Amino acid sequence: MVAEETPKRQRGIKRDFKWEEAREAFVSRGVKPSYDEISTEFSIPLSTVRLAAMDEGWPMLRANKVNAALEAVNAGEQILTALKSSRAIVSAGENVGIIALQKITQLLEDVINDKDKAVSTRANNLNTISFAISNVAKAMKDLGIVGFAKGLQDEGAPNGKWRPELLNQINITVQNLTKQATREVKESQI
C-alpha cells in the first residue's frame, strides 16, 4: 500500500490514508456517500475528511462528473422528449377522467332519485359507485393528473420528506435543463 499525501491543510503530516480511493468513492458512487460514511469506510478522521473535501473541492468534482454523465447520455433532451409524450398521455387521461366522473355523477343522481328501488339495492349501488369514483381517482393520481404521481411519492421517506439523493438528482437535472434551454435561446438569437 502506498501512502498518499494528505490534503493541503495537513501539510507536513503523512498518513496511510487511501485518499485517492476515498475521493473516488465520494465523487463516483451513484448515491453520494456522506463524509461520515467516507470517514468510517476508509478509517480517516471525520474532520480530516471534511478538510480534504473542502481543500480539493470534492462536491464540485462530483457535480462535474454527474453533469458530464448526464450530457453524455443527452439527459436533457431525453427528459424533454419524455415530457412531451407524457403530456399527451396525461391530456388523454384527463379527458377520460372527466368523462368518467361525469357519467358516475349522472349514475349517482339516478340512484339517489330512484325511489322505486329497495333501500338495500340503492345502498348497494351507491357502494359500487363509490368504488368507481375511487378507481377513477386512483387512475388520475397514477397518471400524475392530480396530486403527486405515484412514482414520485414512492421516493419519499416514511416521514414524508424526500430522499436527499433524489432531490440532488432533480436539482442537477433542472440545472442542466436550464443550461440547455439558455444555450438554445442564445443559438436561436444568432
N, C-alpha and C. Protein backbone atom coordinates (compact mmCIF):
# COMPACT_ATOMS: atom_id res chain seq x y z
N MET A 1 0.84 -1.18 0.00
CA MET A 1 0.00 0.00 0.00
C MET A 1 0.89 1.24 0.00
N VAL A 2 0.59 2.17 -0.89
CA VAL A 2 1.37 3.40 -0.99
C VAL A 2 0.61 4.49 -0.26
N ALA A 3 1.28 5.16 0.64
CA ALA A 3 0.65 6.27 1.36
C ALA A 3 0.61 7.48 0.45
N GLU A 4 -0.50 8.18 0.47
CA GLU A 4 -0.63 9.38 -0.34
C GLU A 4 -0.48 10.60 0.55
N GLU A 5 -0.18 11.73 -0.07
CA GLU A 5 -0.11 12.98 0.67
C GLU A 5 -1.49 13.28 1.22
N THR A 6 -1.52 13.82 2.40
CA THR A 6 -2.79 14.27 2.95
C THR A 6 -3.12 15.61 2.31
N PRO A 7 -4.33 16.09 2.48
CA PRO A 7 -4.69 17.37 1.86
C PRO A 7 -3.79 18.51 2.30
N LYS A 8 -3.89 19.64 1.57
CA LYS A 8 -3.03 20.80 1.78
C LYS A 8 -3.01 21.26 3.23
N ARG A 9 -4.17 21.29 3.88
CA ARG A 9 -4.23 21.79 5.25
C ARG A 9 -3.46 20.89 6.22
N GLN A 10 -3.18 19.69 5.80
CA GLN A 10 -2.46 18.76 6.68
C GLN A 10 -1.01 18.62 6.23
N ARG A 11 -0.49 19.63 5.53
CA ARG A 11 0.89 19.57 5.05
C ARG A 11 1.84 19.19 6.16
N GLY A 12 2.81 18.41 5.80
CA GLY A 12 3.82 18.03 6.75
C GLY A 12 3.46 16.78 7.53
N ILE A 13 2.20 16.37 7.48
CA ILE A 13 1.78 15.16 8.17
C ILE A 13 1.42 14.14 7.10
N LYS A 14 2.03 13.00 7.13
CA LYS A 14 1.70 11.94 6.17
C LYS A 14 0.98 10.84 6.91
N ARG A 15 0.01 10.29 6.30
CA ARG A 15 -0.77 9.22 6.89
C ARG A 15 -0.95 8.13 5.84
N ASP A 16 -1.25 6.95 6.32
CA ASP A 16 -1.53 5.85 5.40
C ASP A 16 -3.01 5.81 5.03
N PHE A 17 -3.57 6.97 4.73
CA PHE A 17 -4.96 7.03 4.30
C PHE A 17 -5.03 6.80 2.81
N LYS A 18 -6.08 6.18 2.37
CA LYS A 18 -6.29 5.92 0.94
C LYS A 18 -7.07 7.10 0.35
N TRP A 19 -6.35 8.21 0.16
CA TRP A 19 -7.01 9.44 -0.30
C TRP A 19 -7.64 9.29 -1.67
N GLU A 20 -6.92 8.68 -2.59
CA GLU A 20 -7.45 8.55 -3.96
C GLU A 20 -8.74 7.73 -3.95
N GLU A 21 -8.75 6.63 -3.19
CA GLU A 21 -9.94 5.78 -3.12
C GLU A 21 -11.09 6.51 -2.42
N ALA A 22 -10.78 7.23 -1.35
CA ALA A 22 -11.81 7.97 -0.62
C ALA A 22 -12.43 9.05 -1.52
N ARG A 23 -11.58 9.80 -2.21
CA ARG A 23 -12.05 10.85 -3.13
C ARG A 23 -12.91 10.24 -4.23
N GLU A 24 -12.41 9.15 -4.82
CA GLU A 24 -13.14 8.49 -5.91
C GLU A 24 -14.50 7.97 -5.43
N ALA A 25 -14.54 7.44 -4.21
CA ALA A 25 -15.80 6.94 -3.65
C ALA A 25 -16.81 8.08 -3.54
N PHE A 26 -16.37 9.23 -3.06
CA PHE A 26 -17.27 10.38 -2.91
C PHE A 26 -17.73 10.90 -4.27
N VAL A 27 -16.81 10.98 -5.19
CA VAL A 27 -17.09 11.59 -6.49
C VAL A 27 -17.90 10.67 -7.40
N SER A 28 -17.66 9.37 -7.35
CA SER A 28 -18.17 8.48 -8.39
C SER A 28 -19.35 7.60 -8.02
N ARG A 29 -19.63 7.40 -6.77
CA ARG A 29 -20.72 6.48 -6.41
C ARG A 29 -22.06 7.04 -6.84
N GLY A 30 -22.97 6.13 -7.17
CA GLY A 30 -24.31 6.54 -7.60
C GLY A 30 -25.04 7.33 -6.53
N VAL A 31 -25.04 6.80 -5.32
CA VAL A 31 -25.63 7.52 -4.20
C VAL A 31 -24.48 8.16 -3.44
N LYS A 32 -24.54 9.47 -3.33
CA LYS A 32 -23.42 10.21 -2.72
C LYS A 32 -23.25 9.80 -1.26
N PRO A 33 -22.06 9.30 -0.91
CA PRO A 33 -21.82 8.97 0.49
C PRO A 33 -21.59 10.23 1.31
N SER A 34 -21.92 10.17 2.58
CA SER A 34 -21.66 11.31 3.47
C SER A 34 -20.19 11.29 3.87
N TYR A 35 -19.73 12.42 4.38
CA TYR A 35 -18.35 12.47 4.87
C TYR A 35 -18.16 11.46 6.01
N ASP A 36 -19.20 11.29 6.80
CA ASP A 36 -19.13 10.33 7.90
C ASP A 36 -18.95 8.91 7.37
N GLU A 37 -19.66 8.57 6.29
CA GLU A 37 -19.51 7.25 5.68
C GLU A 37 -18.10 7.06 5.11
N ILE A 38 -17.57 8.08 4.47
CA ILE A 38 -16.20 8.01 3.94
C ILE A 38 -15.23 7.83 5.10
N SER A 39 -15.44 8.59 6.16
CA SER A 39 -14.57 8.50 7.33
C SER A 39 -14.55 7.09 7.89
N THR A 40 -15.71 6.50 8.03
CA THR A 40 -15.82 5.14 8.58
C THR A 40 -15.21 4.12 7.64
N GLU A 41 -15.57 4.20 6.36
CA GLU A 41 -15.11 3.20 5.39
C GLU A 41 -13.59 3.20 5.22
N PHE A 42 -12.99 4.37 5.20
CA PHE A 42 -11.55 4.45 4.92
C PHE A 42 -10.71 4.72 6.17
N SER A 43 -11.35 4.68 7.33
CA SER A 43 -10.66 4.89 8.61
C SER A 43 -9.87 6.20 8.63
N ILE A 44 -10.54 7.25 8.21
CA ILE A 44 -9.95 8.60 8.21
C ILE A 44 -10.78 9.43 9.18
N PRO A 45 -10.16 10.19 10.05
CA PRO A 45 -10.95 11.03 10.96
C PRO A 45 -11.90 11.94 10.19
N LEU A 46 -13.11 12.08 10.72
CA LEU A 46 -14.15 12.86 10.04
C LEU A 46 -13.69 14.29 9.75
N SER A 47 -13.05 14.93 10.70
CA SER A 47 -12.60 16.32 10.47
C SER A 47 -11.58 16.37 9.34
N THR A 48 -10.76 15.35 9.22
CA THR A 48 -9.75 15.30 8.15
C THR A 48 -10.43 15.11 6.79
N VAL A 49 -11.47 14.26 6.77
CA VAL A 49 -12.22 14.07 5.52
C VAL A 49 -12.85 15.39 5.10
N ARG A 50 -13.46 16.08 6.04
CA ARG A 50 -14.10 17.37 5.71
C ARG A 50 -13.09 18.38 5.17
N LEU A 51 -11.93 18.44 5.80
CA LEU A 51 -10.89 19.36 5.32
C LEU A 51 -10.43 18.99 3.91
N ALA A 52 -10.23 17.69 3.69
CA ALA A 52 -9.80 17.24 2.36
C ALA A 52 -10.85 17.58 1.32
N ALA A 53 -12.11 17.33 1.65
CA ALA A 53 -13.20 17.62 0.70
C ALA A 53 -13.26 19.10 0.37
N MET A 54 -13.06 19.94 1.39
CA MET A 54 -13.10 21.38 1.16
C MET A 54 -11.88 21.83 0.35
N ASP A 55 -10.71 21.37 0.72
CA ASP A 55 -9.48 21.78 0.02
C ASP A 55 -9.47 21.33 -1.43
N GLU A 56 -9.93 20.14 -1.67
CA GLU A 56 -9.86 19.57 -3.02
C GLU A 56 -11.14 19.77 -3.82
N GLY A 57 -12.18 20.32 -3.21
CA GLY A 57 -13.42 20.60 -3.93
C GLY A 57 -14.18 19.34 -4.33
N TRP A 58 -14.31 18.39 -3.42
CA TRP A 58 -14.99 17.13 -3.75
C TRP A 58 -16.42 17.34 -4.26
N PRO A 59 -17.23 18.21 -3.63
CA PRO A 59 -18.59 18.38 -4.15
C PRO A 59 -18.61 18.87 -5.60
N MET A 60 -17.69 19.78 -5.94
CA MET A 60 -17.63 20.28 -7.32
C MET A 60 -17.16 19.19 -8.27
N LEU A 61 -16.19 18.38 -7.83
CA LEU A 61 -15.74 17.25 -8.66
C LEU A 61 -16.90 16.30 -8.94
N ARG A 62 -17.70 16.04 -7.91
CA ARG A 62 -18.85 15.15 -8.07
C ARG A 62 -19.88 15.76 -9.02
N ALA A 63 -20.19 17.03 -8.82
CA ALA A 63 -21.16 17.70 -9.69
C ALA A 63 -20.70 17.69 -11.14
N ASN A 64 -19.41 17.94 -11.37
CA ASN A 64 -18.87 17.91 -12.73
C ASN A 64 -18.99 16.53 -13.35
N LYS A 65 -18.73 15.49 -12.55
CA LYS A 65 -18.81 14.12 -13.06
C LYS A 65 -20.26 13.76 -13.40
N VAL A 66 -21.20 14.15 -12.53
CA VAL A 66 -22.61 13.87 -12.78
C VAL A 66 -23.08 14.63 -14.02
N ASN A 67 -22.69 15.91 -14.13
CA ASN A 67 -23.08 16.70 -15.31
C ASN A 67 -22.53 16.09 -16.59
N ALA A 68 -21.28 15.64 -16.54
CA ALA A 68 -20.68 15.02 -17.73
C ALA A 68 -21.43 13.76 -18.11
N ALA A 69 -21.81 12.97 -17.11
CA ALA A 69 -22.55 11.74 -17.39
C ALA A 69 -23.92 12.06 -17.99
N LEU A 70 -24.59 13.08 -17.45
CA LEU A 70 -25.90 13.46 -17.98
C LEU A 70 -25.79 14.00 -19.40
N GLU A 71 -24.76 14.77 -19.65
CA GLU A 71 -24.57 15.30 -21.00
C GLU A 71 -24.19 14.19 -21.98
N ALA A 72 -23.44 13.20 -21.50
CA ALA A 72 -23.03 12.09 -22.37
C ALA A 72 -24.23 11.30 -22.88
N VAL A 73 -25.24 11.17 -22.04
CA VAL A 73 -26.43 10.43 -22.47
C VAL A 73 -27.52 11.38 -22.96
N ASN A 74 -27.18 12.66 -23.06
CA ASN A 74 -28.10 13.67 -23.53
C ASN A 74 -29.40 13.65 -22.71
N ALA A 75 -29.24 13.65 -21.40
CA ALA A 75 -30.36 13.51 -20.47
C ALA A 75 -31.41 14.60 -20.65
N GLY A 76 -30.97 15.82 -20.86
CA GLY A 76 -31.92 16.92 -21.01
C GLY A 76 -32.88 16.69 -22.16
N GLU A 77 -32.35 16.31 -23.31
CA GLU A 77 -33.21 16.06 -24.47
C GLU A 77 -34.13 14.87 -24.22
N GLN A 78 -33.60 13.84 -23.59
CA GLN A 78 -34.42 12.66 -23.30
C GLN A 78 -35.57 13.01 -22.34
N ILE A 79 -35.28 13.84 -21.35
CA ILE A 79 -36.32 14.25 -20.42
C ILE A 79 -37.38 15.09 -21.13
N LEU A 80 -36.94 16.02 -21.97
CA LEU A 80 -37.90 16.85 -22.71
C LEU A 80 -38.77 16.01 -23.64
N THR A 81 -38.17 15.02 -24.31
CA THR A 81 -38.92 14.13 -25.19
C THR A 81 -39.94 13.33 -24.38
N ALA A 82 -39.50 12.81 -23.24
CA ALA A 82 -40.41 12.04 -22.39
C ALA A 82 -41.55 12.91 -21.87
N LEU A 83 -41.23 14.17 -21.54
CA LEU A 83 -42.28 15.06 -21.06
C LEU A 83 -43.32 15.35 -22.14
N LYS A 84 -42.86 15.49 -23.39
CA LYS A 84 -43.80 15.76 -24.48
C LYS A 84 -44.77 14.60 -24.66
N SER A 85 -44.24 13.37 -24.69
CA SER A 85 -45.13 12.22 -24.86
C SER A 85 -45.97 12.02 -23.61
N SER A 86 -45.41 12.32 -22.47
CA SER A 86 -46.16 12.19 -21.21
C SER A 86 -47.32 13.17 -21.18
N ARG A 87 -47.09 14.38 -21.69
CA ARG A 87 -48.17 15.38 -21.72
C ARG A 87 -49.36 14.89 -22.54
N ALA A 88 -49.09 14.23 -23.66
CA ALA A 88 -50.18 13.72 -24.49
C ALA A 88 -50.97 12.65 -23.74
N ILE A 89 -50.26 11.77 -23.04
CA ILE A 89 -50.93 10.72 -22.27
C ILE A 89 -51.74 11.33 -21.14
N VAL A 90 -51.15 12.29 -20.45
CA VAL A 90 -51.84 12.94 -19.34
C VAL A 90 -53.08 13.67 -19.85
N SER A 91 -52.96 14.34 -20.97
CA SER A 91 -54.10 15.05 -21.54
C SER A 91 -55.23 14.09 -21.89
N ALA A 92 -54.89 12.98 -22.52
CA ALA A 92 -55.91 11.97 -22.84
C ALA A 92 -56.51 11.41 -21.56
N GLY A 93 -55.67 11.18 -20.56
CA GLY A 93 -56.16 10.68 -19.27
C GLY A 93 -57.10 11.66 -18.60
N GLU A 94 -56.78 12.96 -18.70
CA GLU A 94 -57.66 13.99 -18.14
C GLU A 94 -59.03 13.93 -18.79
N ASN A 95 -59.06 13.81 -20.11
CA ASN A 95 -60.34 13.74 -20.83
C ASN A 95 -61.15 12.53 -20.41
N VAL A 96 -60.50 11.37 -20.33
CA VAL A 96 -61.20 10.14 -19.93
C VAL A 96 -61.70 10.28 -18.50
N GLY A 97 -60.86 10.84 -17.62
CA GLY A 97 -61.26 11.01 -16.22
C GLY A 97 -62.46 11.92 -16.07
N ILE A 98 -62.47 13.01 -16.82
CA ILE A 98 -63.60 13.95 -16.75
C ILE A 98 -64.88 13.28 -17.24
N ILE A 99 -64.79 12.58 -18.36
CA ILE A 99 -65.97 11.88 -18.88
C ILE A 99 -66.46 10.83 -17.88
N ALA A 100 -65.53 10.06 -17.32
CA ALA A 100 -65.90 9.02 -16.34
C ALA A 100 -66.58 9.64 -15.13
N LEU A 101 -66.03 10.73 -14.61
CA LEU A 101 -66.63 11.36 -13.45
C LEU A 101 -68.00 11.96 -13.77
N GLN A 102 -68.18 12.48 -14.98
CA GLN A 102 -69.49 12.99 -15.38
C GLN A 102 -70.52 11.86 -15.41
N LYS A 103 -70.13 10.71 -15.98
CA LYS A 103 -71.04 9.57 -16.05
C LYS A 103 -71.36 9.02 -14.66
N ILE A 104 -70.34 8.98 -13.81
CA ILE A 104 -70.55 8.50 -12.45
C ILE A 104 -71.49 9.44 -11.70
N THR A 105 -71.32 10.74 -11.88
CA THR A 105 -72.20 11.73 -11.24
C THR A 105 -73.64 11.53 -11.70
N GLN A 106 -73.81 11.28 -12.99
CA GLN A 106 -75.14 11.04 -13.54
C GLN A 106 -75.75 9.77 -12.93
N LEU A 107 -74.95 8.71 -12.82
CA LEU A 107 -75.44 7.47 -12.20
C LEU A 107 -75.80 7.71 -10.74
N LEU A 108 -74.99 8.49 -10.05
CA LEU A 108 -75.25 8.78 -8.64
C LEU A 108 -76.59 9.50 -8.48
N GLU A 109 -76.85 10.46 -9.32
CA GLU A 109 -78.13 11.18 -9.28
C GLU A 109 -79.28 10.23 -9.56
N ASP A 110 -79.11 9.32 -10.54
CA ASP A 110 -80.16 8.36 -10.87
C ASP A 110 -80.46 7.44 -9.69
N VAL A 111 -79.40 6.97 -9.02
CA VAL A 111 -79.59 6.06 -7.88
C VAL A 111 -80.29 6.79 -6.73
N ILE A 112 -79.85 8.01 -6.46
CA ILE A 112 -80.45 8.77 -5.36
C ILE A 112 -81.92 9.07 -5.63
N ASN A 113 -82.23 9.40 -6.86
CA ASN A 113 -83.60 9.79 -7.22
C ASN A 113 -84.52 8.61 -7.53
N ASP A 114 -83.99 7.41 -7.62
CA ASP A 114 -84.80 6.24 -7.97
C ASP A 114 -85.47 5.68 -6.71
N LYS A 115 -86.66 6.18 -6.41
CA LYS A 115 -87.38 5.78 -5.20
C LYS A 115 -88.09 4.43 -5.37
N ASP A 116 -88.13 3.92 -6.61
CA ASP A 116 -88.79 2.64 -6.86
C ASP A 116 -87.96 1.45 -6.40
N LYS A 117 -86.66 1.61 -6.27
CA LYS A 117 -85.76 0.52 -5.86
C LYS A 117 -85.78 0.40 -4.34
N ALA A 118 -85.51 -0.80 -3.88
CA ALA A 118 -85.43 -1.04 -2.45
C ALA A 118 -84.22 -0.28 -1.88
N VAL A 119 -84.30 0.08 -0.62
CA VAL A 119 -83.23 0.82 0.03
C VAL A 119 -81.93 0.03 -0.04
N SER A 120 -81.99 -1.28 0.16
CA SER A 120 -80.77 -2.10 0.13
C SER A 120 -80.14 -2.10 -1.27
N THR A 121 -80.96 -2.09 -2.31
CA THR A 121 -80.45 -2.06 -3.68
C THR A 121 -79.77 -0.72 -3.95
N ARG A 122 -80.42 0.36 -3.50
CA ARG A 122 -79.83 1.69 -3.69
C ARG A 122 -78.52 1.81 -2.91
N ALA A 123 -78.49 1.27 -1.70
CA ALA A 123 -77.26 1.31 -0.90
C ALA A 123 -76.15 0.53 -1.60
N ASN A 124 -76.49 -0.63 -2.14
CA ASN A 124 -75.51 -1.44 -2.87
C ASN A 124 -75.00 -0.69 -4.10
N ASN A 125 -75.89 -0.03 -4.81
CA ASN A 125 -75.49 0.75 -6.00
C ASN A 125 -74.59 1.93 -5.60
N LEU A 126 -74.90 2.59 -4.48
CA LEU A 126 -74.06 3.69 -4.00
C LEU A 126 -72.66 3.18 -3.64
N ASN A 127 -72.62 2.00 -3.05
CA ASN A 127 -71.33 1.40 -2.70
C ASN A 127 -70.51 1.13 -3.97
N THR A 128 -71.15 0.59 -4.99
CA THR A 128 -70.47 0.31 -6.26
C THR A 128 -69.97 1.61 -6.89
N ILE A 129 -70.80 2.64 -6.83
CA ILE A 129 -70.41 3.94 -7.38
C ILE A 129 -69.20 4.50 -6.63
N SER A 130 -69.17 4.32 -5.31
CA SER A 130 -68.02 4.84 -4.54
C SER A 130 -66.73 4.13 -4.96
N PHE A 131 -66.81 2.83 -5.26
CA PHE A 131 -65.63 2.13 -5.77
C PHE A 131 -65.21 2.66 -7.13
N ALA A 132 -66.19 2.97 -7.97
CA ALA A 132 -65.88 3.52 -9.30
C ALA A 132 -65.19 4.86 -9.17
N ILE A 133 -65.68 5.71 -8.27
CA ILE A 133 -65.05 7.02 -8.05
C ILE A 133 -63.62 6.82 -7.56
N SER A 134 -63.44 5.91 -6.62
CA SER A 134 -62.11 5.63 -6.09
C SER A 134 -61.16 5.16 -7.19
N ASN A 135 -61.63 4.29 -8.07
CA ASN A 135 -60.79 3.78 -9.15
C ASN A 135 -60.41 4.88 -10.14
N VAL A 136 -61.34 5.75 -10.46
CA VAL A 136 -61.04 6.86 -11.37
C VAL A 136 -60.03 7.80 -10.73
N ALA A 137 -60.24 8.11 -9.44
CA ALA A 137 -59.30 9.00 -8.74
C ALA A 137 -57.91 8.39 -8.68
N LYS A 138 -57.82 7.09 -8.42
CA LYS A 138 -56.51 6.42 -8.36
C LYS A 138 -55.84 6.45 -9.72
N ALA A 139 -56.60 6.19 -10.77
CA ALA A 139 -56.02 6.22 -12.13
C ALA A 139 -55.50 7.61 -12.46
N MET A 140 -56.26 8.63 -12.10
CA MET A 140 -55.82 10.01 -12.37
C MET A 140 -54.58 10.36 -11.55
N LYS A 141 -54.53 9.88 -10.33
CA LYS A 141 -53.36 10.13 -9.48
C LYS A 141 -52.14 9.40 -10.04
N ASP A 142 -52.32 8.15 -10.47
CA ASP A 142 -51.21 7.37 -11.02
C ASP A 142 -50.66 8.00 -12.29
N LEU A 143 -51.51 8.64 -13.07
CA LEU A 143 -51.05 9.32 -14.29
C LEU A 143 -50.42 10.68 -13.97
N GLY A 144 -50.55 11.11 -12.74
CA GLY A 144 -49.98 12.40 -12.37
C GLY A 144 -50.90 13.56 -12.71
N ILE A 145 -52.16 13.26 -12.97
CA ILE A 145 -53.11 14.32 -13.32
C ILE A 145 -53.48 15.12 -12.08
N VAL A 146 -53.66 14.43 -10.96
CA VAL A 146 -53.94 15.09 -9.69
C VAL A 146 -52.95 14.59 -8.66
N GLY A 147 -52.57 15.43 -7.73
CA GLY A 147 -51.64 15.02 -6.69
C GLY A 147 -50.27 14.71 -7.26
N PHE A 148 -49.44 14.07 -6.47
CA PHE A 148 -48.14 13.63 -6.94
C PHE A 148 -48.30 12.32 -7.67
N ALA A 149 -47.52 12.13 -8.72
CA ALA A 149 -47.51 10.84 -9.39
C ALA A 149 -47.01 9.79 -8.41
N LYS A 150 -47.55 8.58 -8.53
CA LYS A 150 -47.19 7.51 -7.59
C LYS A 150 -45.69 7.29 -7.54
N GLY A 151 -45.02 7.32 -8.68
CA GLY A 151 -43.59 7.09 -8.70
C GLY A 151 -42.81 8.09 -7.87
N LEU A 152 -43.26 9.35 -7.86
CA LEU A 152 -42.58 10.36 -7.05
C LEU A 152 -42.90 10.19 -5.58
N GLN A 153 -44.14 9.81 -5.26
CA GLN A 153 -44.50 9.60 -3.86
C GLN A 153 -43.69 8.46 -3.27
N ASP A 154 -43.47 7.42 -4.06
CA ASP A 154 -42.72 6.27 -3.56
C ASP A 154 -41.29 6.64 -3.21
N GLU A 155 -40.79 7.74 -3.77
CA GLU A 155 -39.43 8.16 -3.47
C GLU A 155 -39.33 8.86 -2.13
N GLY A 156 -40.46 9.26 -1.55
CA GLY A 156 -40.44 9.95 -0.27
C GLY A 156 -40.14 8.99 0.87
N ALA A 157 -39.57 9.52 1.91
CA ALA A 157 -39.30 8.72 3.10
C ALA A 157 -40.59 8.55 3.89
N PRO A 158 -40.65 7.59 4.78
CA PRO A 158 -41.87 7.38 5.57
C PRO A 158 -42.32 8.62 6.34
N ASN A 159 -41.40 9.49 6.70
CA ASN A 159 -41.78 10.69 7.44
C ASN A 159 -42.27 11.81 6.53
N GLY A 160 -42.44 11.51 5.26
CA GLY A 160 -42.97 12.49 4.31
C GLY A 160 -41.92 13.38 3.68
N LYS A 161 -40.65 13.20 4.03
CA LYS A 161 -39.59 14.02 3.43
C LYS A 161 -38.98 13.27 2.26
N TRP A 162 -38.56 14.00 1.27
CA TRP A 162 -37.93 13.39 0.11
C TRP A 162 -36.52 12.97 0.46
N ARG A 163 -36.06 11.93 -0.21
CA ARG A 163 -34.68 11.50 -0.02
C ARG A 163 -33.74 12.56 -0.59
N PRO A 164 -32.67 12.90 0.15
CA PRO A 164 -31.73 13.92 -0.34
C PRO A 164 -31.10 13.55 -1.68
N GLU A 165 -30.85 12.25 -1.91
CA GLU A 165 -30.23 11.84 -3.18
C GLU A 165 -31.14 12.17 -4.36
N LEU A 166 -32.45 11.92 -4.18
CA LEU A 166 -33.41 12.21 -5.25
C LEU A 166 -33.48 13.71 -5.50
N LEU A 167 -33.55 14.49 -4.42
CA LEU A 167 -33.59 15.94 -4.58
C LEU A 167 -32.34 16.46 -5.27
N ASN A 168 -31.19 15.89 -4.94
CA ASN A 168 -29.94 16.29 -5.57
C ASN A 168 -29.98 15.98 -7.06
N GLN A 169 -30.45 14.80 -7.42
CA GLN A 169 -30.53 14.43 -8.85
C GLN A 169 -31.51 15.34 -9.59
N ILE A 170 -32.66 15.64 -8.96
CA ILE A 170 -33.63 16.53 -9.59
C ILE A 170 -33.01 17.91 -9.77
N ASN A 171 -32.31 18.40 -8.75
CA ASN A 171 -31.66 19.71 -8.82
C ASN A 171 -30.66 19.77 -9.97
N ILE A 172 -29.83 18.73 -10.09
CA ILE A 172 -28.83 18.70 -11.16
C ILE A 172 -29.52 18.64 -12.53
N THR A 173 -30.58 17.85 -12.63
CA THR A 173 -31.31 17.75 -13.90
C THR A 173 -31.92 19.09 -14.28
N VAL A 174 -32.52 19.78 -13.32
CA VAL A 174 -33.11 21.10 -13.59
C VAL A 174 -32.02 22.08 -14.01
N GLN A 175 -30.88 22.05 -13.34
CA GLN A 175 -29.77 22.94 -13.72
C GLN A 175 -29.33 22.66 -15.15
N ASN A 176 -29.22 21.39 -15.50
CA ASN A 176 -28.81 21.04 -16.86
C ASN A 176 -29.86 21.46 -17.89
N LEU A 177 -31.13 21.27 -17.57
CA LEU A 177 -32.19 21.70 -18.48
C LEU A 177 -32.15 23.22 -18.67
N THR A 178 -31.90 23.93 -17.58
CA THR A 178 -31.82 25.39 -17.65
C THR A 178 -30.65 25.81 -18.54
N LYS A 179 -29.50 25.18 -18.35
CA LYS A 179 -28.33 25.49 -19.17
C LYS A 179 -28.62 25.21 -20.64
N GLN A 180 -29.25 24.06 -20.91
CA GLN A 180 -29.54 23.68 -22.29
C GLN A 180 -30.52 24.67 -22.91
N ALA A 181 -31.55 25.04 -22.16
CA ALA A 181 -32.53 25.99 -22.68
C ALA A 181 -31.88 27.34 -22.94
N THR A 182 -30.99 27.78 -22.06
CA THR A 182 -30.28 29.05 -22.24
C THR A 182 -29.43 29.00 -23.51
N ARG A 183 -28.72 27.87 -23.69
CA ARG A 183 -27.90 27.72 -24.90
C ARG A 183 -28.77 27.77 -26.15
N GLU A 184 -29.91 27.08 -26.11
CA GLU A 184 -30.79 27.04 -27.29
C GLU A 184 -31.35 28.42 -27.59
N VAL A 185 -31.68 29.19 -26.57
CA VAL A 185 -32.19 30.55 -26.78
C VAL A 185 -31.10 31.41 -27.40
N LYS A 186 -29.88 31.33 -26.87
CA LYS A 186 -28.77 32.12 -27.41
C LYS A 186 -28.48 31.74 -28.85
N GLU A 187 -28.50 30.44 -29.15
CA GLU A 187 -28.24 29.97 -30.52
C GLU A 187 -29.32 30.44 -31.48
N SER A 188 -30.58 30.48 -31.00
CA SER A 188 -31.67 30.90 -31.88
C SER A 188 -31.62 32.39 -32.16
N GLN A 189 -30.95 33.16 -31.29
CA GLN A 189 -30.85 34.60 -31.47
C GLN A 189 -29.71 34.98 -32.41
N ILE A 190 -28.82 34.02 -32.70
CA ILE A 190 -27.67 34.33 -33.56
C ILE A 190 -28.07 34.36 -35.00
